[in-house]
Amino acid sequence: MAEFSDWFKETFKNCYCEQGNLIDEKRFSEIVQLVLDNEADEESRALFEKKIQSCVKSNFTFENEKSMREEIQKKLNMHTGEIPSDLAQTIRNSMNL
């Protein structure tokens, strides 16, 4: 797990400039996915949460992604009978829902 934590810290750090502003939104979005998928360890998640509390752009990106996942889950649940079950399961699996 230490390898993941080291990778997470380094990747996370590279998302920001020296002033602490988010500059690599694509890489940050990948990190958001790991956090939302509960793949980040405790230390990595704590680092992430601290940053999104102080960076509006990071927080916005995280909340946007989280809301999108919640909306997809809600739509899948609402339209259970209308969507082929294998398609719904494929969507859930691809988004770790």
PDB file of N, CA and C in Angstrom:
ATOM      1  N   MET A   1       0.827  -1.196   0.000  1.00  0.00           N
ATOM      2  CA  MET A   1       0.000   0.000   0.000  1.00  0.00           C
ATOM      3  C   MET A   1       0.870   1.259   0.000  1.00  0.00           C
ATOM      4  N   ALA A   2       2.094   1.134   0.490  1.00  0.00           N
ATOM      5  CA  ALA A   2       2.990   2.294   0.521  1.00  0.00           C
ATOM      6  C   ALA A   2       3.290   2.797  -0.891  1.00  0.00           C
ATOM      7  N   GLU A   3       3.400   1.866  -1.840  1.00  0.00           N
ATOM      8  CA  GLU A   3       3.651   2.275  -3.219  1.00  0.00           C
ATOM      9  C   GLU A   3       2.514   3.137  -3.739  1.00  0.00           C
ATOM     10  N   PHE A   4       1.281   2.720  -3.455  1.00  0.00           N
ATOM     11  CA  PHE A   4       0.123   3.496  -3.896  1.00  0.00           C
ATOM     12  C   PHE A   4       0.133   4.873  -3.246  1.00  0.00           C
ATOM     13  N   SER A   5       0.377   4.905  -1.947  1.00  0.00           N
ATOM     14  CA  SER A   5       0.390   6.159  -1.213  1.00  0.00           C
ATOM     15  C   SER A   5       1.452   7.111  -1.774  1.00  0.00           C
ATOM     16  N   ASP A   6       2.621   6.577  -2.064  1.00  0.00           N
ATOM     17  CA  ASP A   6       3.697   7.401  -2.644  1.00  0.00           C
ATOM     18  C   ASP A   6       3.293   7.903  -4.023  1.00  0.00           C
ATOM     19  N   TRP A   7       2.718   7.008  -4.848  1.00  0.00           N
ATOM     20  CA  TRP A   7       2.263   7.409  -6.183  1.00  0.00           C
ATOM     21  C   TRP A   7       1.191   8.496  -6.067  1.00  0.00           C
ATOM     22  N   PHE A   8       0.232   8.288  -5.166  1.00  0.00           N
ATOM     23  CA  PHE A   8      -0.864   9.236  -4.978  1.00  0.00           C
ATOM     24  C   PHE A   8      -0.318  10.609  -4.604  1.00  0.00           C
ATOM     25  N   LYS A   9       0.567  10.651  -3.609  1.00  0.00           N
ATOM     26  CA  LYS A   9       1.135  11.929  -3.154  1.00  0.00           C
ATOM     27  C   LYS A   9       1.866  12.642  -4.284  1.00  0.00           C
ATOM     28  N   GLU A  10       2.677  11.900  -5.014  1.00  0.00           N
ATOM     29  CA  GLU A  10       3.453  12.500  -6.105  1.00  0.00           C
ATOM     30  C   GLU A  10       2.536  13.000  -7.223  1.00  0.00           C
ATOM     31  N   THR A  11       1.592  12.178  -7.615  1.00  0.00           N
ATOM     32  CA  THR A  11       0.648  12.555  -8.670  1.00  0.00           C
ATOM     33  C   THR A  11      -0.189  13.744  -8.229  1.00  0.00           C
ATOM     34  N   PHE A  12      -0.665  13.697  -7.002  1.00  0.00           N
ATOM     35  CA  PHE A  12      -1.476  14.773  -6.444  1.00  0.00           C
ATOM     36  C   PHE A  12      -0.685  16.085  -6.435  1.00  0.00           C
ATOM     37  N   LYS A  13       0.553  16.006  -5.981  1.00  0.00           N
ATOM     38  CA  LYS A  13       1.420  17.189  -5.926  1.00  0.00           C
ATOM     39  C   LYS A  13       1.608  17.791  -7.321  1.00  0.00           C
ATOM     40  N   ASN A  14       1.742  16.943  -8.320  1.00  0.00           N
ATOM     41  CA  ASN A  14       1.962  17.411  -9.688  1.00  0.00           C
ATOM     42  C   ASN A  14       0.727  18.047 -10.321  1.00  0.00           C
ATOM     43  N   CYS A  15      -0.405  17.946  -9.656  1.00  0.00           N
ATOM     44  CA  CYS A  15      -1.626  18.581 -10.155  1.00  0.00           C
ATOM     45  C   CYS A  15      -1.641  20.084  -9.857  1.00  0.00           C
ATOM     46  N   TYR A  16      -0.733  20.523  -9.020  1.00  0.00           N
ATOM     47  CA  TYR A  16      -0.749  21.905  -8.535  1.00  0.00           C
ATOM     48  C   TYR A  16       0.560  22.620  -8.844  1.00  0.00           C
ATOM     49  N   CYS A  17       0.454  23.933  -9.022  1.00  0.00           N
ATOM     50  CA  CYS A  17       1.649  24.750  -9.216  1.00  0.00           C
ATOM     51  C   CYS A  17       2.246  25.091  -7.846  1.00  0.00           C
ATOM     52  N   GLU A  18       3.352  25.795  -7.842  1.00  0.00           N
ATOM     53  CA  GLU A  18       4.023  26.163  -6.589  1.00  0.00           C
ATOM     54  C   GLU A  18       3.139  27.011  -5.684  1.00  0.00           C
ATOM     55  N   GLN A  19       2.210  27.763  -6.264  1.00  0.00           N
ATOM     56  CA  GLN A  19       1.308  28.594  -5.478  1.00  0.00           C
ATOM     57  C   GLN A  19       0.117  27.797  -4.939  1.00  0.00           C
ATOM     58  N   GLY A  20       0.025  26.532  -5.322  1.00  0.00           N
ATOM     59  CA  GLY A  20      -1.043  25.682  -4.825  1.00  0.00           C
ATOM     60  C   GLY A  20      -2.305  25.681  -5.665  1.00  0.00           C
ATOM     61  N   ASN A  21      -2.223  26.253  -6.872  1.00  0.00           N
ATOM     62  CA  ASN A  21      -3.391  26.291  -7.763  1.00  0.00           C
ATOM     63  C   ASN A  21      -3.436  25.037  -8.633  1.00  0.00           C
ATOM     64  N   LEU A  22      -4.641  24.520  -8.850  1.00  0.00           N
ATOM     65  CA  LEU A  22      -4.837  23.343  -9.685  1.00  0.00           C
ATOM     66  C   LEU A  22      -4.479  23.676 -11.131  1.00  0.00           C
ATOM     67  N   ILE A  23      -3.541  22.927 -11.688  1.00  0.00           N
ATOM     68  CA  ILE A  23      -3.117  23.192 -13.067  1.00  0.00           C
ATOM     69  C   ILE A  23      -3.303  21.978 -13.983  1.00  0.00           C
ATOM     70  N   ASP A  24      -3.428  20.786 -13.415  1.00  0.00           N
ATOM     71  CA  ASP A  24      -3.597  19.586 -14.228  1.00  0.00           C
ATOM     72  C   ASP A  24      -4.942  18.952 -13.876  1.00  0.00           C
ATOM     73  N   GLU A  25      -5.989  19.460 -14.500  1.00  0.00           N
ATOM     74  CA  GLU A  25      -7.345  18.998 -14.189  1.00  0.00           C
ATOM     75  C   GLU A  25      -7.574  17.554 -14.613  1.00  0.00           C
ATOM     76  N   LYS A  26      -6.959  17.125 -15.702  1.00  0.00           N
ATOM     77  CA  LYS A  26      -7.133  15.751 -16.170  1.00  0.00           C
ATOM     78  C   LYS A  26      -6.575  14.766 -15.143  1.00  0.00           C
ATOM     79  N   ARG A  27      -5.373  15.016 -14.690  1.00  0.00           N
ATOM     80  CA  ARG A  27      -4.759  14.130 -13.690  1.00  0.00           C
ATOM     81  C   ARG A  27      -5.540  14.190 -12.383  1.00  0.00           C
ATOM     82  N   PHE A  28      -5.988  15.382 -12.014  1.00  0.00           N
ATOM     83  CA  PHE A  28      -6.769  15.515 -10.787  1.00  0.00           C
ATOM     84  C   PHE A  28      -8.070  14.731 -10.891  1.00  0.00           C
ATOM     85  N   SER A  29      -8.698  14.735 -12.058  1.00  0.00           N
ATOM     86  CA  SER A  29      -9.933  13.968 -12.263  1.00  0.00           C
ATOM     87  C   SER A  29      -9.697  12.473 -12.061  1.00  0.00           C
ATOM     88  N   GLU A  30      -8.532  11.995 -12.459  1.00  0.00           N
ATOM     89  CA  GLU A  30      -8.188  10.591 -12.232  1.00  0.00           C
ATOM     90  C   GLU A  30      -8.087  10.308 -10.734  1.00  0.00           C
ATOM     91  N   ILE A  31      -7.528  11.223 -10.001  1.00  0.00           N
ATOM     92  CA  ILE A  31      -7.413  11.072  -8.549  1.00  0.00           C
ATOM     93  C   ILE A  31      -8.795  11.097  -7.914  1.00  0.00           C
ATOM     94  N   VAL A  32      -9.664  11.976  -8.394  1.00  0.00           N
ATOM     95  CA  VAL A  32     -11.039  12.044  -7.886  1.00  0.00           C
ATOM     96  C   VAL A  32     -11.704  10.686  -8.055  1.00  0.00           C
ATOM     97  N   GLN A  33     -11.499  10.043  -9.207  1.00  0.00           N
ATOM     98  CA  GLN A  33     -12.086   8.723  -9.450  1.00  0.00           C
ATOM     99  C   GLN A  33     -11.615   7.712  -8.408  1.00  0.00           C
ATOM    100  N   LEU A  34     -10.343   7.744  -8.083  1.00  0.00           N
ATOM    101  CA  LEU A  34      -9.806   6.821  -7.079  1.00  0.00           C
ATOM    102  C   LEU A  34     -10.439   7.070  -5.712  1.00  0.00           C
ATOM    103  N   VAL A  35     -10.613   8.321  -5.385  1.00  0.00           N
ATOM    104  CA  VAL A  35     -11.231   8.659  -4.099  1.00  0.00           C
ATOM    105  C   VAL A  35     -12.688   8.216  -4.086  1.00  0.00           C
ATOM    106  N   LEU A  36     -13.425   8.512  -5.136  1.00  0.00           N
ATOM    107  CA  LEU A  36     -14.831   8.133  -5.196  1.00  0.00           C
ATOM    108  C   LEU A  36     -15.025   6.608  -5.248  1.00  0.00           C
ATOM    109  N   ASP A  37     -14.048   5.910  -5.791  1.00  0.00           N
ATOM    110  CA  ASP A  37     -14.106   4.449  -5.860  1.00  0.00           C
ATOM    111  C   ASP A  37     -13.608   3.801  -4.563  1.00  0.00           C
ATOM    112  N   ASN A  38     -13.267   4.639  -3.580  1.00  0.00           N
ATOM    113  CA  ASN A  38     -12.738   4.162  -2.293  1.00  0.00           C
ATOM    114  C   ASN A  38     -11.461   3.348  -2.454  1.00  0.00           C
ATOM    115  N   GLU A  39     -10.656   3.719  -3.431  1.00  0.00           N
ATOM    116  CA  GLU A  39      -9.384   3.035  -3.655  1.00  0.00           C
ATOM    117  C   GLU A  39      -8.216   3.762  -2.994  1.00  0.00           C
ATOM    118  N   ALA A  40      -8.443   4.989  -2.561  1.00  0.00           N
ATOM    119  CA  ALA A  40      -7.386   5.746  -1.896  1.00  0.00           C
ATOM    120  C   ALA A  40      -7.266   5.287  -0.453  1.00  0.00           C
ATOM    121  N   ASP A  41      -6.040   5.139   0.006  1.00  0.00           N
ATOM    122  CA  ASP A  41      -5.849   4.753   1.399  1.00  0.00           C
ATOM    123  C   ASP A  41      -6.159   5.947   2.310  1.00  0.00           C
ATOM    124  N   GLU A  42      -6.145   5.711   3.605  1.00  0.00           N
ATOM    125  CA  GLU A  42      -6.540   6.732   4.572  1.00  0.00           C
ATOM    126  C   GLU A  42      -5.678   7.994   4.481  1.00  0.00           C
ATOM    127  N   GLU A  43      -4.380   7.805   4.381  1.00  0.00           N
ATOM    128  CA  GLU A  43      -3.454   8.936   4.306  1.00  0.00           C
ATOM    129  C   GLU A  43      -3.687   9.755   3.035  1.00  0.00           C
ATOM    130  N   SER A  44      -3.866   9.061   1.926  1.00  0.00           N
ATOM    131  CA  SER A  44      -4.095   9.742   0.644  1.00  0.00           C
ATOM    132  C   SER A  44      -5.424  10.491   0.664  1.00  0.00           C
ATOM    133  N   ARG A  45      -6.439   9.856   1.204  1.00  0.00           N
ATOM    134  CA  ARG A  45      -7.755  10.492   1.286  1.00  0.00           C
ATOM    135  C   ARG A  45      -7.702  11.735   2.175  1.00  0.00           C
ATOM    136  N   ALA A  46      -6.982  11.662   3.271  1.00  0.00           N
ATOM    137  CA  ALA A  46      -6.846  12.817   4.172  1.00  0.00           C
ATOM    138  C   ALA A  46      -6.163  13.983   3.450  1.00  0.00           C
ATOM    139  N   LEU A  47      -5.121  13.684   2.690  1.00  0.00           N
ATOM    140  CA  LEU A  47      -4.426  14.709   1.910  1.00  0.00           C
ATOM    141  C   LEU A  47      -5.384  15.338   0.903  1.00  0.00           C
ATOM    142  N   PHE A  48      -6.145  14.496   0.229  1.00  0.00           N
ATOM    143  CA  PHE A  48      -7.117  14.950  -0.761  1.00  0.00           C
ATOM    144  C   PHE A  48      -8.173  15.849  -0.115  1.00  0.00           C
ATOM    145  N   GLU A  49      -8.760  15.400   0.970  1.00  0.00           N
ATOM    146  CA  GLU A  49      -9.828  16.157   1.631  1.00  0.00           C
ATOM    147  C   GLU A  49      -9.338  17.504   2.154  1.00  0.00           C
ATOM    148  N   LYS A  50      -8.131  17.526   2.650  1.00  0.00           N
ATOM    149  CA  LYS A  50      -7.567  18.797   3.136  1.00  0.00           C
ATOM    150  C   LYS A  50      -7.460  19.801   1.984  1.00  0.00           C
ATOM    151  N   LYS A  51      -7.017  19.318   0.843  1.00  0.00           N
ATOM    152  CA  LYS A  51      -6.826  20.213  -0.304  1.00  0.00           C
ATOM    153  C   LYS A  51      -8.154  20.718  -0.851  1.00  0.00           C
ATOM    154  N   ILE A  52      -9.159  19.845  -0.949  1.00  0.00           N
ATOM    155  CA  ILE A  52     -10.420  20.308  -1.532  1.00  0.00           C
ATOM    156  C   ILE A  52     -11.156  21.268  -0.599  1.00  0.00           C
ATOM    157  N   GLN A  53     -10.768  21.302   0.660  1.00  0.00           N
ATOM    158  CA  GLN A  53     -11.358  22.275   1.585  1.00  0.00           C
ATOM    159  C   GLN A  53     -10.788  23.674   1.364  1.00  0.00           C
ATOM    160  N   SER A  54      -9.575  23.731   0.810  1.00  0.00           N
ATOM    161  CA  SER A  54      -8.927  25.032   0.643  1.00  0.00           C
ATOM    162  C   SER A  54      -8.825  25.501  -0.808  1.00  0.00           C
ATOM    163  N   CYS A  55      -9.171  24.650  -1.751  1.00  0.00           N
ATOM    164  CA  CYS A  55      -9.046  25.006  -3.170  1.00  0.00           C
ATOM    165  C   CYS A  55     -10.418  24.909  -3.829  1.00  0.00           C
ATOM    166  N   VAL A  56     -10.944  26.043  -4.220  1.00  0.00           N
ATOM    167  CA  VAL A  56     -12.284  26.094  -4.813  1.00  0.00           C
ATOM    168  C   VAL A  56     -12.360  25.256  -6.085  1.00  0.00           C
ATOM    169  N   LYS A  57     -11.372  25.356  -6.930  1.00  0.00           N
ATOM    170  CA  LYS A  57     -11.384  24.623  -8.203  1.00  0.00           C
ATOM    171  C   LYS A  57     -11.344  23.108  -7.971  1.00  0.00           C
ATOM    172  N   SER A  58     -10.529  22.671  -7.008  1.00  0.00           N
ATOM    173  CA  SER A  58     -10.459  21.247  -6.676  1.00  0.00           C
ATOM    174  C   SER A  58     -11.786  20.767  -6.110  1.00  0.00           C
ATOM    175  N   ASN A  59     -12.348  21.557  -5.215  1.00  0.00           N
ATOM    176  CA  ASN A  59     -13.628  21.201  -4.601  1.00  0.00           C
ATOM    177  C   ASN A  59     -14.721  21.126  -5.660  1.00  0.00           C
ATOM    178  N   PHE A  60     -14.749  22.093  -6.554  1.00  0.00           N
ATOM    179  CA  PHE A  60     -15.744  22.118  -7.621  1.00  0.00           C
ATOM    180  C   PHE A  60     -15.634  20.864  -8.493  1.00  0.00           C
ATOM    181  N   THR A  61     -14.415  20.500  -8.863  1.00  0.00           N
ATOM    182  CA  THR A  61     -14.187  19.324  -9.695  1.00  0.00           C
ATOM    183  C   THR A  61     -14.669  18.064  -8.982  1.00  0.00           C
ATOM    184  N   PHE A  62     -14.327  17.952  -7.707  1.00  0.00           N
ATOM    185  CA  PHE A  62     -14.741  16.793  -6.920  1.00  0.00           C
ATOM    186  C   PHE A  62     -16.261  16.727  -6.796  1.00  0.00           C
ATOM    187  N   GLU A  63     -16.879  17.819  -6.415  1.00  0.00           N
ATOM    188  CA  GLU A  63     -18.332  17.842  -6.227  1.00  0.00           C
ATOM    189  C   GLU A  63     -19.069  17.577  -7.535  1.00  0.00           C
ATOM    190  N   ASN A  64     -18.539  18.090  -8.630  1.00  0.00           N
ATOM    191  CA  ASN A  64     -19.128  17.856  -9.949  1.00  0.00           C
ATOM    192  C   ASN A  64     -19.123  16.365 -10.289  1.00  0.00           C
ATOM    193  N   GLU A  65     -17.984  15.743 -10.099  1.00  0.00           N
ATOM    194  CA  GLU A  65     -17.851  14.318 -10.411  1.00  0.00           C
ATOM    195  C   GLU A  65     -18.734  13.477  -9.490  1.00  0.00           C
ATOM    196  N   LYS A  66     -18.753  13.822  -8.230  1.00  0.00           N
ATOM    197  CA  LYS A  66     -19.576  13.104  -7.257  1.00  0.00           C
ATOM    198  C   LYS A  66     -21.060  13.228  -7.608  1.00  0.00           C
ATOM    199  N   SER A  67     -21.487  14.428  -7.968  1.00  0.00           N
ATOM    200  CA  SER A  67     -22.886  14.661  -8.342  1.00  0.00           C
ATOM    201  C   SER A  67     -23.266  13.883  -9.593  1.00  0.00           C
ATOM    202  N   MET A  68     -22.359  13.834 -10.549  1.00  0.00           N
ATOM    203  CA  MET A  68     -22.620  13.113 -11.786  1.00  0.00           C
ATOM    204  C   MET A  68     -22.824  11.626 -11.491  1.00  0.00           C
ATOM    205  N   ARG A  69     -21.979  11.060 -10.655  1.00  0.00           N
ATOM    206  CA  ARG A  69     -22.124   9.648 -10.286  1.00  0.00           C
ATOM    207  C   ARG A  69     -23.452   9.399  -9.581  1.00  0.00           C
ATOM    208  N   GLU A  70     -23.798  10.288  -8.661  1.00  0.00           N
ATOM    209  CA  GLU A  70     -25.050  10.142  -7.924  1.00  0.00           C
ATOM    210  C   GLU A  70     -26.251  10.219  -8.864  1.00  0.00           C
ATOM    211  N   GLU A  71     -26.179  11.120  -9.826  1.00  0.00           N
ATOM    212  CA  GLU A  71     -27.276  11.274 -10.792  1.00  0.00           C
ATOM    213  C   GLU A  71     -27.403  10.033 -11.675  1.00  0.00           C
ATOM    214  N   ILE A  72     -26.298   9.487 -12.115  1.00  0.00           N
ATOM    215  CA  ILE A  72     -26.336   8.265 -12.933  1.00  0.00           C
ATOM    216  C   ILE A  72     -26.932   7.124 -12.121  1.00  0.00           C
ATOM    217  N   GLN A  73     -26.509   6.996 -10.877  1.00  0.00           N
ATOM    218  CA  GLN A  73     -27.050   5.937 -10.010  1.00  0.00           C
ATOM    219  C   GLN A  73     -28.561   6.115  -9.826  1.00  0.00           C
ATOM    220  N   LYS A  74     -28.981   7.351  -9.598  1.00  0.00           N
ATOM    221  CA  LYS A  74     -30.402   7.639  -9.421  1.00  0.00           C
ATOM    222  C   LYS A  74     -31.188   7.272 -10.678  1.00  0.00           C
ATOM    223  N   LYS A  75     -30.668   7.648 -11.844  1.00  0.00           N
ATOM    224  CA  LYS A  75     -31.342   7.344 -13.114  1.00  0.00           C
ATOM    225  C   LYS A  75     -31.415   5.837 -13.355  1.00  0.00           C
ATOM    226  N   LEU A  76     -30.342   5.137 -13.048  1.00  0.00           N
ATOM    227  CA  LEU A  76     -30.362   3.683 -13.206  1.00  0.00           C
ATOM    228  C   LEU A  76     -31.429   3.057 -12.317  1.00  0.00           C
ATOM    229  N   ASN A  77     -31.540   3.546 -11.099  1.00  0.00           N
ATOM    230  CA  ASN A  77     -32.543   3.016 -10.168  1.00  0.00           C
ATOM    231  C   ASN A  77     -33.963   3.367 -10.607  1.00  0.00           C
ATOM    232  N   MET A  78     -34.151   4.569 -11.140  1.00  0.00           N
ATOM    233  CA  MET A  78     -35.477   5.014 -11.560  1.00  0.00           C
ATOM    234  C   MET A  78     -35.990   4.239 -12.773  1.00  0.00           C
ATOM    235  N   HIS A  79     -35.086   3.855 -13.639  1.00  0.00           N
ATOM    236  CA  HIS A  79     -35.468   3.234 -14.910  1.00  0.00           C
ATOM    237  C   HIS A  79     -35.070   1.762 -14.974  1.00  0.00           C
ATOM    238  N   THR A  80     -35.109   1.102 -13.849  1.00  0.00           N
ATOM    239  CA  THR A  80     -34.688  -0.297 -13.775  1.00  0.00           C
ATOM    240  C   THR A  80     -35.382  -1.181 -14.800  1.00  0.00           C
ATOM    241  N   GLY A  81     -36.678  -1.066 -14.926  1.00  0.00           N
ATOM    242  CA  GLY A  81     -37.419  -1.918 -15.857  1.00  0.00           C
ATOM    243  C   GLY A  81     -37.237  -1.543 -17.308  1.00  0.00           C
ATOM    244  N   GLU A  82     -36.794  -0.327 -17.563  1.00  0.00           N
ATOM    245  CA  GLU A  82     -36.676   0.160 -18.939  1.00  0.00           C
ATOM    246  C   GLU A  82     -35.305  -0.089 -19.560  1.00  0.00           C
ATOM    247  N   ILE A  83     -34.322  -0.341 -18.724  1.00  0.00           N
ATOM    248  CA  ILE A  83     -32.954  -0.539 -19.203  1.00  0.00           C
ATOM    249  C   ILE A  83     -32.623  -2.025 -19.105  1.00  0.00           C
ATOM    250  N   PRO A  84     -32.099  -2.609 -20.166  1.00  0.00           N
ATOM    251  CA  PRO A  84     -31.689  -4.017 -20.068  1.00  0.00           C
ATOM    252  C   PRO A  84     -30.732  -4.209 -18.881  1.00  0.00           C
ATOM    253  N   SER A  85     -30.965  -5.242 -18.114  1.00  0.00           N
ATOM    254  CA  SER A  85     -30.187  -5.440 -16.887  1.00  0.00           C
ATOM    255  C   SER A  85     -28.694  -5.571 -17.162  1.00  0.00           C
ATOM    256  N   ASP A  86     -28.313  -6.179 -18.283  1.00  0.00           N
ATOM    257  CA  ASP A  86     -26.886  -6.302 -18.580  1.00  0.00           C
ATOM    258  C   ASP A  86     -26.259  -4.935 -18.889  1.00  0.00           C
ATOM    259  N   LEU A  87     -27.011  -4.063 -19.522  1.00  0.00           N
ATOM    260  CA  LEU A  87     -26.523  -2.705 -19.782  1.00  0.00           C
ATOM    261  C   LEU A  87     -26.376  -1.942 -18.470  1.00  0.00           C
ATOM    262  N   ALA A  88     -27.376  -2.007 -17.616  1.00  0.00           N
ATOM    263  CA  ALA A  88     -27.313  -1.321 -16.319  1.00  0.00           C
ATOM    264  C   ALA A  88     -26.128  -1.824 -15.507  1.00  0.00           C
ATOM    265  N   GLN A  89     -25.908  -3.149 -15.522  1.00  0.00           N
ATOM    266  CA  GLN A  89     -24.783  -3.710 -14.768  1.00  0.00           C
ATOM    267  C   GLN A  89     -23.447  -3.274 -15.360  1.00  0.00           C
ATOM    268  N   THR A  90     -23.370  -3.206 -16.677  1.00  0.00           N
ATOM    269  CA  THR A  90     -22.138  -2.739 -17.333  1.00  0.00           C
ATOM    270  C   THR A  90     -21.836  -1.303 -16.925  1.00  0.00           C
ATOM    271  N   ILE A  91     -22.858  -0.455 -16.885  1.00  0.00           N
ATOM    272  CA  ILE A  91     -22.668   0.930 -16.466  1.00  0.00           C
ATOM    273  C   ILE A  91     -22.202   0.983 -15.026  1.00  0.00           C
ATOM    274  N   ARG A  92     -22.877   0.245 -14.151  1.00  0.00           N
ATOM    275  CA  ARG A  92     -22.490   0.220 -12.728  1.00  0.00           C
ATOM    276  C   ARG A  92     -21.029  -0.257 -12.569  1.00  0.00           C
ATOM    277  N   ASN A  93     -20.677  -1.317 -13.264  1.00  0.00           N
ATOM    278  CA  ASN A  93     -19.318  -1.842 -13.163  1.00  0.00           C
ATOM    279  C   ASN A  93     -18.284  -0.843 -13.657  1.00  0.00           C
ATOM    280  N   SER A  94     -18.587  -0.163 -14.752  1.00  0.00           N
ATOM    281  CA  SER A  94     -17.620   0.779 -15.311  1.00  0.00           C
ATOM    282  C   SER A  94     -17.422   1.998 -14.430  1.00  0.00           C
ATOM    283  N   MET A  95     -18.424   2.285 -13.592  1.00  0.00           N
ATOM    284  CA  MET A  95     -18.331   3.461 -12.717  1.00  0.00           C
ATOM    285  C   MET A  95     -18.154   3.080 -11.257  1.00  0.00           C
ATOM    286  N   ASN A  96     -17.975   1.792 -11.001  1.00  0.00           N
ATOM    287  CA  ASN A  96     -17.835   1.293  -9.628  1.00  0.00           C
ATOM    288  C   ASN A  96     -18.987   1.742  -8.745  1.00  0.00           C
ATOM    289  N   LEU A  97     -20.207   1.631  -9.261  1.00  0.00           N
ATOM    290  CA  LEU A  97     -21.397   2.010  -8.488  1.00  0.00           C
ATOM    291  C   LEU A  97     -21.971   0.809  -7.760  1.00  0.00           C
TER     292      LEU A  97
END
